[in-house]
C-alpha atoms as a PDB file:
ATOM      1  CA  MET A   1     -20.479   1.821  -3.553  1.00  0.00           C
ATOM      2  CA  SER A   2     -17.313   2.563  -5.461  1.00  0.00           C
ATOM      3  CA  ILE A   3     -14.633   5.075  -4.433  1.00  0.00           C
ATOM      4  CA  TRP A   4     -11.141   5.526  -5.837  1.00  0.00           C
ATOM      5  CA  TRP A   5      -8.376   8.086  -5.502  1.00  0.00           C
ATOM      6  CA  SER A   6      -4.794   8.492  -6.609  1.00  0.00           C
ATOM      7  CA  LEU A   7      -1.976  10.537  -5.113  1.00  0.00           C
ATOM      8  CA  HIS A   8       1.378  11.500  -6.575  1.00  0.00           C
ATOM      9  CA  LEU A   9       3.733  12.022  -3.644  1.00  0.00           C
ATOM     10  CA  ARG A  10       7.328  13.122  -3.271  1.00  0.00           C
ATOM     11  CA  ARG A  11       9.698  10.499  -1.930  1.00  0.00           C
ATOM     12  CA  GLU A  12       9.799  12.055   1.523  1.00  0.00           C
ATOM     13  CA  ALA A  13       9.013  10.462   4.870  1.00  0.00           C
ATOM     14  CA  ALA A  14       6.263  13.062   5.501  1.00  0.00           C
ATOM     15  CA  SER A  15       4.260  11.636   2.593  1.00  0.00           C
ATOM     16  CA  VAL A  16       3.660   8.300   4.338  1.00  0.00           C
ATOM     17  CA  PRO A  17       1.278   9.514   7.088  1.00  0.00           C
ATOM     18  CA  LEU A  18      -0.538  11.689   4.540  1.00  0.00           C
ATOM     19  CA  ALA A  19      -1.438   8.644   2.420  1.00  0.00           C
ATOM     20  CA  ARG A  20      -2.333   6.645   5.525  1.00  0.00           C
ATOM     21  CA  ARG A  21      -4.670   9.357   6.896  1.00  0.00           C
ATOM     22  CA  LEU A  22      -6.421   9.723   3.535  1.00  0.00           C
ATOM     23  CA  LEU A  23      -7.014   5.970   3.363  1.00  0.00           C
ATOM     24  CA  ILE A  24      -8.334   5.790   6.937  1.00  0.00           C
ATOM     25  CA  GLY A  25     -10.617   8.793   6.351  1.00  0.00           C
ATOM     26  CA  THR A  26     -11.981   7.303   3.139  1.00  0.00           C
ATOM     27  CA  MET A  27     -12.705   3.962   4.758  1.00  0.00           C
ATOM     28  CA  GLU A  28     -14.235   5.548   7.856  1.00  0.00           C
ATOM     29  CA  THR A  29     -16.528   7.669   5.695  1.00  0.00           C
ATOM     30  CA  ALA A  30     -17.518   4.640   3.608  1.00  0.00           C
ATOM     31  CA  GLY A  31     -18.299   2.640   6.755  1.00  0.00           C
ATOM     32  CA  VAL A  32     -15.507   0.056   6.658  1.00  0.00           C
ATOM     33  CA  ASP A  33     -14.901  -1.859   9.883  1.00  0.00           C
ATOM     34  CA  PRO A  34     -12.114  -0.102  11.869  1.00  0.00           C
ATOM     35  CA  ASP A  35     -10.034  -3.297  12.222  1.00  0.00           C
ATOM     36  CA  ILE A  36      -9.932  -3.743   8.431  1.00  0.00           C
ATOM     37  CA  SER A  37      -9.112  -0.035   7.991  1.00  0.00           C
ATOM     38  CA  TYR A  38      -6.247  -0.331  10.460  1.00  0.00           C
ATOM     39  CA  ASP A  39      -4.789  -3.429   8.773  1.00  0.00           C
ATOM     40  CA  LEU A  40      -4.873  -1.783   5.345  1.00  0.00           C
ATOM     41  CA  SER A  41      -3.427   1.468   6.672  1.00  0.00           C
ATOM     42  CA  VAL A  42      -0.445  -0.365   8.199  1.00  0.00           C
ATOM     43  CA  ALA A  43       0.103  -2.272   4.939  1.00  0.00           C
ATOM     44  CA  LEU A  44      -0.108   1.006   2.993  1.00  0.00           C
ATOM     45  CA  SER A  45       2.404   2.651   5.336  1.00  0.00           C
ATOM     46  CA  GLU A  46       4.871  -0.176   4.751  1.00  0.00           C
ATOM     47  CA  ALA A  47       4.467  -0.037   0.965  1.00  0.00           C
ATOM     48  CA  CYS A  48       4.912   3.763   0.985  1.00  0.00           C
ATOM     49  CA  ALA A  49       7.978   3.517   3.235  1.00  0.00           C
ATOM     50  CA  ASN A  50       9.523   1.079   0.742  1.00  0.00           C
ATOM     51  CA  ALA A  51       8.797   3.472  -2.139  1.00  0.00           C
ATOM     52  CA  VAL A  52      10.346   6.370  -0.218  1.00  0.00           C
ATOM     53  CA  GLU A  53      13.468   4.390   0.661  1.00  0.00           C
ATOM     54  CA  HIS A  54      14.046   2.355  -2.505  1.00  0.00           C
ATOM     55  CA  GLY A  55      11.938   3.850  -5.273  1.00  0.00           C
ATOM     56  CA  GLY A  56      13.897   6.644  -6.858  1.00  0.00           C
ATOM     57  CA  ALA A  57      16.913   5.265  -8.643  1.00  0.00           C
ATOM     58  CA  GLY A  58      19.097   7.597  -6.571  1.00  0.00           C
ATOM     59  CA  ARG A  59      16.986  10.688  -7.306  1.00  0.00           C
ATOM     60  CA  PRO A  60      15.295  11.874  -4.097  1.00  0.00           C
ATOM     61  CA  SER A  61      13.073  14.281  -6.044  1.00  0.00           C
ATOM     62  CA  GLU A  62      11.284  11.396  -7.789  1.00  0.00           C
ATOM     63  CA  ALA A  63       7.646  10.883  -6.923  1.00  0.00           C
ATOM     64  CA  TYR A  64       5.664   7.744  -6.282  1.00  0.00           C
ATOM     65  CA  ARG A  65       1.984   7.032  -6.802  1.00  0.00           C
ATOM     66  CA  VAL A  66      -0.601   5.600  -4.413  1.00  0.00           C
ATOM     67  CA  THR A  67      -3.974   4.500  -5.748  1.00  0.00           C
ATOM     68  CA  ALA A  68      -6.806   3.066  -3.664  1.00  0.00           C
ATOM     69  CA  TYR A  69      -9.992   1.457  -4.963  1.00  0.00           C
ATOM     70  CA  LEU A  70     -12.914   0.614  -2.699  1.00  0.00           C
ATOM     71  CA  ASP A  71     -15.271  -1.278  -4.933  1.00  0.00           C
ATOM     72  CA  GLY A  72     -18.093  -3.369  -3.568  1.00  0.00           C
ATOM     73  CA  GLU A  73     -16.698  -5.786  -1.043  1.00  0.00           C
ATOM     74  CA  LYS A  74     -12.991  -5.292  -1.794  1.00  0.00           C
ATOM     75  CA  CYS A  75     -10.294  -2.665  -1.363  1.00  0.00           C
ATOM     76  CA  ARG A  76      -7.283  -2.719  -3.690  1.00  0.00           C
ATOM     77  CA  ILE A  77      -4.244  -0.530  -3.074  1.00  0.00           C
ATOM     78  CA  GLU A  78      -1.320   0.031  -5.442  1.00  0.00           C
ATOM     79  CA  VAL A  79       1.939   1.796  -4.666  1.00  0.00           C
ATOM     80  CA  ALA A  80       4.140   2.408  -7.724  1.00  0.00           C
ATOM     81  CA  ASP A  81       7.579   4.007  -7.743  1.00  0.00           C
ATOM     82  CA  SER A  82      10.047   4.998 -10.446  1.00  0.00           C
ATOM     83  CA  GLY A  83      13.094   3.235  -9.060  1.00  0.00           C
ATOM     84  CA  PRO A  84      15.163   0.513 -10.691  1.00  0.00           C
ATOM     85  CA  GLY A  85      12.436  -2.105 -10.232  1.00  0.00           C
ATOM     86  CA  ILE A  86      12.899  -5.606  -8.961  1.00  0.00           C
ATOM     87  CA  GLY A  87      15.264  -8.038 -10.559  1.00  0.00           C
ATOM     88  CA  PRO A  88      14.312 -11.365 -12.103  1.00  0.00           C
ATOM     89  CA  GLY A  89      15.697 -13.173  -9.052  1.00  0.00           C
ATOM     90  CA  PHE A  90      13.244 -11.503  -6.684  1.00  0.00           C
ATOM     91  CA  ALA A  91      11.356 -14.064  -4.609  1.00  0.00           C
ATOM     92  CA  ARG A  92       7.699 -14.726  -5.250  1.00  0.00           C
ATOM     93  CA  THR A  93       5.423 -12.979  -2.743  1.00  0.00           C
ATOM     94  CA  GLN A  94       4.604 -16.202  -0.935  1.00  0.00           C
ATOM     95  CA  ASP A  95       8.325 -16.961  -0.524  1.00  0.00           C
ATOM     96  CA  ILE A  96       9.163 -13.740   1.343  1.00  0.00           C
ATOM     97  CA  ARG A  97      10.774 -14.675   4.617  1.00  0.00           C
ATOM     98  CA  PRO A  98      10.650 -12.661   7.836  1.00  0.00           C
ATOM     99  CA  ALA A  99      13.694 -10.581   8.702  1.00  0.00           C
ATOM    100  CA  ARG A 100      16.077 -11.721  11.409  1.00  0.00           C
ATOM    101  CA  LEU A 101      15.001 -10.675  14.893  1.00  0.00           C
ATOM    102  CA  ASP A 102      17.942  -8.278  15.215  1.00  0.00           C
ATOM    103  CA  ALA A 103      17.468  -6.704  11.754  1.00  0.00           C
ATOM    104  CA  GLU A 104      16.523  -3.037  11.564  1.00  0.00           C
ATOM    105  CA  HIS A 105      14.839  -3.367   8.157  1.00  0.00           C
ATOM    106  CA  GLY A 106      13.107  -6.006   6.074  1.00  0.00           C
ATOM    107  CA  ARG A 107       9.749  -6.528   7.747  1.00  0.00           C
ATOM    108  CA  GLY A 108       7.538  -4.420   5.468  1.00  0.00           C
ATOM    109  CA  LEU A 109       6.711  -6.947   2.754  1.00  0.00           C
ATOM    110  CA  CYS A 110       6.063  -9.631   5.370  1.00  0.00           C
ATOM    111  CA  LEU A 111       3.631  -7.325   7.177  1.00  0.00           C
ATOM    112  CA  ILE A 112       1.835  -6.494   3.947  1.00  0.00           C
ATOM    113  CA  ARG A 113       1.513 -10.196   3.140  1.00  0.00           C
ATOM    114  CA  GLU A 114       0.070 -10.938   6.599  1.00  0.00           C
ATOM    115  CA  LEU A 115      -2.382  -8.012   6.636  1.00  0.00           C
ATOM    116  CA  ALA A 116      -3.800  -8.321   3.110  1.00  0.00           C
ATOM    117  CA  ASP A 117      -5.670 -11.137   1.379  1.00  0.00           C
ATOM    118  CA  HIS A 118      -3.699 -11.021  -1.901  1.00  0.00           C
ATOM    119  CA  VAL A 119      -0.354  -9.356  -2.626  1.00  0.00           C
ATOM    120  CA  HIS A 120       1.452  -8.864  -5.922  1.00  0.00           C
ATOM    121  CA  ILE A 121       4.913  -7.329  -6.334  1.00  0.00           C
ATOM    122  CA  GLY A 122       6.250  -6.631  -9.792  1.00  0.00           C
ATOM    123  CA  SER A 123       8.050  -4.228 -12.091  1.00  0.00           C
ATOM    124  CA  LYS A 124       6.409  -1.885 -14.565  1.00  0.00           C
ATOM    125  CA  PRO A 125       6.971  -3.431 -18.000  1.00  0.00           C
ATOM    126  CA  GLY A 126       9.497  -1.485 -20.069  1.00  0.00           C
ATOM    127  CA  ARG A 127       9.602   1.525 -17.720  1.00  0.00           C
ATOM    128  CA  GLY A 128      11.277   0.303 -14.553  1.00  0.00           C
ATOM    129  CA  GLY A 129       9.946   0.929 -11.100  1.00  0.00           C
ATOM    130  CA  THR A 130       8.188  -1.370  -8.692  1.00  0.00           C
ATOM    131  CA  VAL A 131       4.467  -1.849  -8.169  1.00  0.00           C
ATOM    132  CA  VAL A 132       3.203  -3.309  -4.902  1.00  0.00           C
ATOM    133  CA  SER A 133      -0.509  -4.076  -5.018  1.00  0.00           C
ATOM    134  CA  PHE A 134      -2.625  -5.723  -2.368  1.00  0.00           C
ATOM    135  CA  ASP A 135      -6.273  -6.216  -1.638  1.00  0.00           C
ATOM    136  CA  LYS A 136      -8.538  -7.204   1.194  1.00  0.00           C
ATOM    137  CA  ILE A 137     -12.167  -8.210   1.475  1.00  0.00           C
ATOM    138  CA  LEU A 138     -14.030  -5.506   3.387  1.00  0.00           C
ATOM    139  CA  LYS A 139     -16.270  -5.768   6.430  1.00  0.00           C
ATOM    140  CA  TRP A 140     -18.682  -2.957   7.238  1.00  0.00           C
ATOM    141  CA  LYS A 141     -19.820  -1.038  10.305  1.00  0.00           C
ATOM    142  CA  LYS A 142     -23.561  -1.054  10.969  1.00  0.00           C
ATOM    143  CA  ASP A 143     -24.042   2.727  10.514  1.00  0.00           C
ATOM    144  CA  PRO A 144     -21.563   4.146   7.981  1.00  0.00           C
ATOM    145  CA  SER A 145     -21.365   7.938   8.207  1.00  0.00           C
ATOM    146  CA  LEU A 146     -21.634   8.271   4.423  1.00  0.00           C
ATOM    147  CA  LEU A 147     -25.088   6.709   4.455  1.00  0.00           C
ATOM    148  CA  SER A 148     -26.309   8.764   7.399  1.00  0.00           C
ATOM    149  CA  ALA A 149     -25.202  12.122   5.949  1.00  0.00           C
END
């Protein structure tokens, strides 16, 4: 089975739970194991929160895009914003260090890295903006509602 969708969302905090609920509903309907769905929904929430906070180059009206692909045994999620992008000195994904215990921010990328199987963070070539993509191998429930409908 293959399912994909894409959303263009305003950089507002209210957009984050909307994307998360759509992802959870899609995975529940497809029959994905609830633990996998939860992990991916938390990772998606963190990526969306980063796009809302950092992804607009100072223009709060800018949108960001969320795309999810459930294809065979894997789910891939991409969150792309139109902000300034990441600089050449940005650490490789595997080098991201946890935030200090007393820090109020800085845990999102670490959470994404821990919850997903593969993570890539980069800039859109020639256009600016950041793209966070991650994927996870799926596990399935025994009786997916899509197959029993």
